[in-house]
Amino acid sequence: MIIFWLRVSPITAFLILLQFQSVFAFQASDPPPESVEYRIDLRPVYSYVNTTERDGAQHTDHSMNLRARFGISYHVSNKLTFRGRAAMRLSNNQDDFRFLLDDHTGGGGSYPAGTATFDEFLLSWQVNPELKLTAGRFQGRFPLTGFIPKGVDRYYGANLSISHTDGLWMEWDVSERWRLHLIGSHNSPSGSSHAARSPLRFDESAAARFTGFANIQHRNTQDRWAQRELSLSVTPKNINNKLVFV
């Protein structure tokens, strides 16, 4: 994938995004026991931004960035799968490099450049053809359908970002066309595992550390509507109700 973006004065920006992805996988829909699947993707990005101020002053900023991810899936049986993935961000502007095992995502919705972590570490159980249960650290992504997908709620891995959810996830095909998602998340007092923003806080009480998410989803790209879904987030005791008037 190659993306080229150019906009003229007062800001001229040039962005090249390349993504390379290799999958070494068992292609059957029902993998055999004790089989292993590997996945590698690299996303290098070069950005160039030239800004002209009203007084004529010019500022130029350019950077090289890379997001690299390596994942492995081990199919314990044809119903039970363990999956883990390491992810890292690199930039020529980073100060240092560190490996983190934090229980929350950064305040900007992603780990910063110069960071490596596990963004997947989970156990998945296909209970039956209609019901799937996942526990651990996972990517509960709900992108809107399109050439470049966007997300209204819980869209991870966009651009160079690294983020995750820690908790339990149930996927249930309630009918041939509708799928129900239920996610229970655990959050750290220092922040959210699914990148919730202020004024949501998770340090007020133990009850504030658990949040819920429900989504009913219908996708049919052949019909008049490409995507229909409804999401509901439950965040008890997470909003700081102390108001300050100036």
Protein backbone atom coordinates (compact mmCIF):
# COMPACT_ATOMS: atom_id res chain seq x y z
CA MET A 1 0.00 0.00 0.00
CA ILE A 2 1.32 3.45 -0.96
CA ILE A 3 -0.32 6.70 0.09
CA PHE A 4 0.72 10.05 -1.41
CA TRP A 5 -0.62 13.27 0.06
CA LEU A 6 0.27 16.78 -1.08
CA ARG A 7 -1.19 20.13 -0.05
CA VAL A 8 0.12 23.53 -1.08
CA SER A 9 0.81 26.80 0.80
CA PRO A 10 0.63 27.85 3.59
CA ILE A 11 1.42 24.28 4.57
CA THR A 12 3.06 21.91 2.14
CA ALA A 13 3.01 18.33 3.36
CA PHE A 14 4.43 15.24 1.73
CA LEU A 15 3.71 11.82 3.17
CA ILE A 16 4.75 8.42 1.89
CA LEU A 17 3.36 5.41 3.68
CA LEU A 18 4.40 1.93 2.66
CA GLN A 19 3.10 -1.23 4.24
CA PHE A 20 4.64 -4.64 3.74
CA GLN A 21 2.84 -7.63 5.18
CA SER A 22 3.78 -11.27 5.05
CA VAL A 23 1.63 -14.08 6.29
CA PHE A 24 2.84 -17.64 6.78
CA ALA A 25 -0.42 -19.32 7.67
CA PHE A 26 -2.42 -22.46 7.39
CA GLN A 27 -5.13 -21.39 4.97
CA ALA A 28 -7.86 -23.83 5.99
CA SER A 29 -10.88 -22.41 7.83
CA ASP A 30 -10.44 -25.01 10.55
CA PRO A 31 -6.68 -25.30 11.32
CA PRO A 32 -5.30 -28.63 12.49
CA PRO A 33 -4.15 -29.09 16.11
CA GLU A 34 -0.62 -28.00 17.01
CA SER A 35 -0.20 -25.93 13.84
CA VAL A 36 1.63 -22.57 13.93
CA GLU A 37 0.88 -19.38 12.02
CA TYR A 38 3.23 -16.39 11.68
CA ARG A 39 2.47 -12.82 10.63
CA ILE A 40 4.88 -9.95 9.97
CA ASP A 41 4.04 -6.41 8.89
CA LEU A 42 6.26 -3.36 8.45
CA ARG A 43 4.99 0.17 7.99
CA PRO A 44 7.72 2.73 7.18
CA VAL A 45 6.59 6.37 6.88
CA TYR A 46 8.45 9.41 5.61
CA SER A 47 6.81 12.79 6.26
CA TYR A 48 7.83 16.25 5.11
CA VAL A 49 6.00 19.40 6.27
CA ASN A 50 6.87 22.96 5.20
CA THR A 51 4.92 25.73 6.94
CA THR A 52 4.83 29.40 5.92
CA GLU A 53 3.71 31.78 8.68
CA ARG A 54 1.84 35.05 8.11
CA ASP A 55 5.02 37.03 8.64
CA GLY A 56 6.76 35.03 5.89
CA ALA A 57 8.82 32.85 8.22
CA GLN A 58 9.16 29.25 7.09
CA HIS A 59 9.53 26.10 9.17
CA THR A 60 10.42 22.67 7.82
CA ASP A 61 9.96 19.38 9.59
CA HIS A 62 10.70 15.94 8.20
CA SER A 63 10.97 12.56 9.88
CA MET A 64 11.39 8.85 9.25
CA ASN A 65 9.18 6.47 11.21
CA LEU A 66 8.60 2.75 11.36
CA ARG A 67 6.07 0.48 12.98
CA ALA A 68 6.97 -3.20 12.98
CA ARG A 69 4.86 -6.09 14.30
CA PHE A 70 5.55 -9.80 14.56
CA GLY A 71 2.79 -12.18 15.58
CA ILE A 72 2.52 -15.89 16.19
CA SER A 73 -0.58 -18.08 16.58
CA TYR A 74 -0.47 -21.56 18.04
CA HIS A 75 -3.54 -23.69 17.45
CA VAL A 76 -3.73 -25.91 20.51
CA SER A 77 -6.73 -27.61 18.90
CA ASN A 78 -9.08 -26.79 16.07
CA LYS A 79 -11.14 -24.74 18.58
CA LEU A 80 -8.50 -23.30 20.94
CA THR A 81 -5.82 -20.82 19.81
CA PHE A 82 -3.10 -18.86 21.60
CA ARG A 83 -1.92 -15.69 19.87
CA GLY A 84 0.79 -13.20 20.77
CA ARG A 85 2.23 -10.23 18.92
CA ALA A 86 5.15 -7.89 19.60
CA ALA A 87 4.96 -4.36 18.22
CA MET A 88 7.41 -1.48 18.18
CA ARG A 89 7.65 2.12 16.93
CA LEU A 90 10.90 3.73 15.78
CA SER A 91 11.63 7.31 14.73
CA ASN A 92 14.69 9.40 13.99
CA ASN A 93 13.30 11.92 16.51
CA GLN A 94 13.00 9.51 19.46
CA ASP A 95 15.05 10.10 22.60
CA ASP A 96 15.59 6.49 23.65
CA PHE A 97 14.22 2.98 23.23
CA ARG A 98 12.47 0.89 25.86
CA PHE A 99 10.34 -2.23 26.19
CA LEU A 100 7.15 -1.72 28.21
CA LEU A 101 4.61 -4.08 29.72
CA ASP A 102 2.21 -1.39 30.88
CA ASP A 103 -1.40 -2.10 31.80
CA HIS A 104 -2.63 0.97 29.91
CA THR A 105 -2.21 2.69 26.56
CA GLY A 106 -0.67 6.15 26.26
CA GLY A 107 -2.82 9.24 26.72
CA GLY A 108 -2.67 10.02 23.01
CA GLY A 109 -4.18 6.65 22.15
CA SER A 110 -0.86 5.01 21.30
CA TYR A 111 2.52 4.10 22.68
CA PRO A 112 5.10 6.75 21.69
CA ALA A 113 8.01 6.32 19.30
CA GLY A 114 10.94 4.46 20.81
CA THR A 115 8.68 1.86 22.42
CA ALA A 116 8.18 -1.88 22.07
CA THR A 117 5.45 -3.93 23.76
CA PHE A 118 3.01 -6.80 23.32
CA ASP A 119 -0.21 -5.52 21.75
CA GLU A 120 -1.70 -9.03 21.57
CA PHE A 121 -1.46 -11.81 24.15
CA LEU A 122 -4.64 -13.84 24.20
CA LEU A 123 -6.42 -17.16 24.30
CA SER A 124 -9.29 -17.66 21.86
CA TRP A 125 -11.93 -20.38 22.12
CA GLN A 126 -14.33 -21.14 19.27
CA VAL A 127 -17.09 -22.64 21.39
CA ASN A 128 -19.25 -23.42 18.37
CA PRO A 129 -19.64 -21.98 14.85
CA GLU A 130 -21.72 -19.09 16.23
CA LEU A 131 -19.89 -18.28 19.48
CA LYS A 132 -16.28 -17.21 20.09
CA LEU A 133 -14.69 -16.18 23.40
CA THR A 134 -11.38 -14.29 23.74
CA ALA A 135 -9.48 -13.48 26.94
CA GLY A 136 -6.30 -11.44 27.41
CA ARG A 137 -4.86 -8.53 25.43
CA PHE A 138 -6.47 -8.13 22.01
CA GLN A 139 -7.44 -5.75 19.21
CA GLY A 140 -11.15 -5.02 19.52
CA ARG A 141 -11.22 -3.09 16.24
CA PHE A 142 -14.45 -1.71 14.80
CA PRO A 143 -13.42 0.23 11.66
CA LEU A 144 -15.96 1.74 9.31
CA THR A 145 -16.00 0.15 5.87
CA GLY A 146 -14.05 2.05 3.23
CA PHE A 147 -10.87 2.26 1.17
CA ILE A 148 -9.08 3.86 4.15
CA PRO A 149 -11.08 2.63 7.17
CA LYS A 150 -11.95 5.04 9.94
CA GLY A 151 -13.32 4.34 13.37
CA VAL A 152 -16.04 5.91 15.46
CA ASP A 153 -15.43 3.56 18.38
CA ARG A 154 -12.40 1.41 19.27
CA TYR A 155 -10.30 1.54 16.14
CA TYR A 156 -6.74 0.38 16.87
CA GLY A 157 -3.61 0.23 14.76
CA ALA A 158 -4.31 3.29 12.62
CA ASN A 159 -1.30 4.87 10.93
CA LEU A 160 1.65 4.17 13.28
CA SER A 161 -0.29 3.69 16.49
CA ILE A 162 0.10 0.80 18.93
CA SER A 163 -2.77 0.17 21.32
CA HIS A 164 -4.86 -2.65 22.79
CA THR A 165 -7.69 -3.76 25.06
CA ASP A 166 -7.21 -5.92 28.16
CA GLY A 167 -10.24 -7.97 29.09
CA LEU A 168 -12.85 -10.44 27.80
CA TRP A 169 -14.53 -10.45 24.38
CA MET A 170 -17.57 -12.42 23.25
CA GLU A 171 -18.54 -12.63 19.56
CA TRP A 172 -21.94 -14.18 18.92
CA ASP A 173 -23.63 -14.62 15.55
CA VAL A 174 -27.20 -14.17 16.69
CA SER A 175 -28.45 -14.67 13.10
CA GLU A 176 -27.06 -15.06 9.61
CA ARG A 177 -26.65 -11.30 9.19
CA TRP A 178 -26.18 -9.91 12.69
CA ARG A 179 -23.25 -10.32 15.07
CA LEU A 180 -23.19 -9.24 18.73
CA HIS A 181 -19.95 -8.15 20.44
CA LEU A 182 -19.66 -7.84 24.22
CA ILE A 183 -16.36 -6.59 25.68
CA GLY A 184 -15.46 -6.16 29.32
CA SER A 185 -12.24 -4.18 29.85
CA HIS A 186 -9.94 -3.79 32.83
CA ASN A 187 -8.16 -0.45 33.17
CA SER A 188 -5.23 0.76 35.21
CA PRO A 189 -5.43 3.68 37.67
CA SER A 190 -2.89 5.33 35.36
CA GLY A 191 -5.10 5.13 32.27
CA SER A 192 -7.30 3.09 29.97
CA SER A 193 -6.35 -0.11 28.17
CA HIS A 194 -8.55 1.01 25.26
CA ALA A 195 -7.26 4.57 25.01
CA ALA A 196 -10.18 6.43 26.60
CA ARG A 197 -9.60 10.18 26.78
CA SER A 198 -10.12 12.81 29.47
CA PRO A 199 -12.38 13.56 31.37
CA LEU A 200 -12.66 9.78 31.88
CA ARG A 201 -10.57 8.69 34.87
CA PHE A 202 -9.84 5.30 36.37
CA ASP A 203 -8.21 6.19 39.67
CA GLU A 204 -11.27 7.21 41.71
CA SER A 205 -12.34 3.73 42.85
CA ALA A 206 -11.98 0.04 42.07
CA ALA A 207 -15.35 0.10 40.24
CA ALA A 208 -13.99 2.70 37.83
CA ARG A 209 -11.38 0.27 36.53
CA PHE A 210 -13.96 -1.89 34.71
CA THR A 211 -15.79 -0.72 31.60
CA GLY A 212 -18.18 -2.41 29.21
CA PHE A 213 -18.78 -2.23 25.47
CA ALA A 214 -21.57 -3.70 23.35
CA ASN A 215 -21.89 -3.65 19.56
CA ILE A 216 -24.51 -5.14 17.24
CA GLN A 217 -23.10 -5.34 13.74
CA HIS A 218 -24.50 -5.99 10.27
CA ARG A 219 -22.11 -5.87 7.31
CA ASN A 220 -23.32 -6.41 3.76
CA THR A 221 -21.27 -4.58 1.14
CA GLN A 222 -23.53 -5.85 -1.65
CA ASP A 223 -26.63 -4.11 -0.32
CA ARG A 224 -27.63 -0.44 -0.44
CA TRP A 225 -26.00 0.20 2.95
CA ALA A 226 -22.39 -0.91 3.30
CA GLN A 227 -22.44 -1.00 7.08
CA ARG A 228 -25.00 -0.87 9.87
CA GLU A 229 -24.10 -1.14 13.54
CA LEU A 230 -24.93 0.25 16.96
CA SER A 231 -22.41 0.61 19.81
CA LEU A 232 -22.87 1.29 23.51
CA SER A 233 -20.07 2.04 25.99
CA VAL A 234 -20.59 1.76 29.75
CA THR A 235 -18.06 3.61 31.93
CA PRO A 236 -19.31 3.65 35.54
CA LYS A 237 -17.77 6.13 37.98
CA ASN A 238 -15.21 7.34 35.44
CA ILE A 239 -16.03 11.04 35.02
CA ASN A 240 -14.52 13.54 37.43
CA ASN A 241 -17.57 15.44 38.70
CA LYS A 242 -15.62 18.19 40.43
CA LEU A 243 -16.50 21.39 38.58
CA VAL A 244 -14.43 24.53 38.88
CA PHE A 245 -15.96 27.92 38.00
CA VAL A 246 -13.67 30.84 37.18
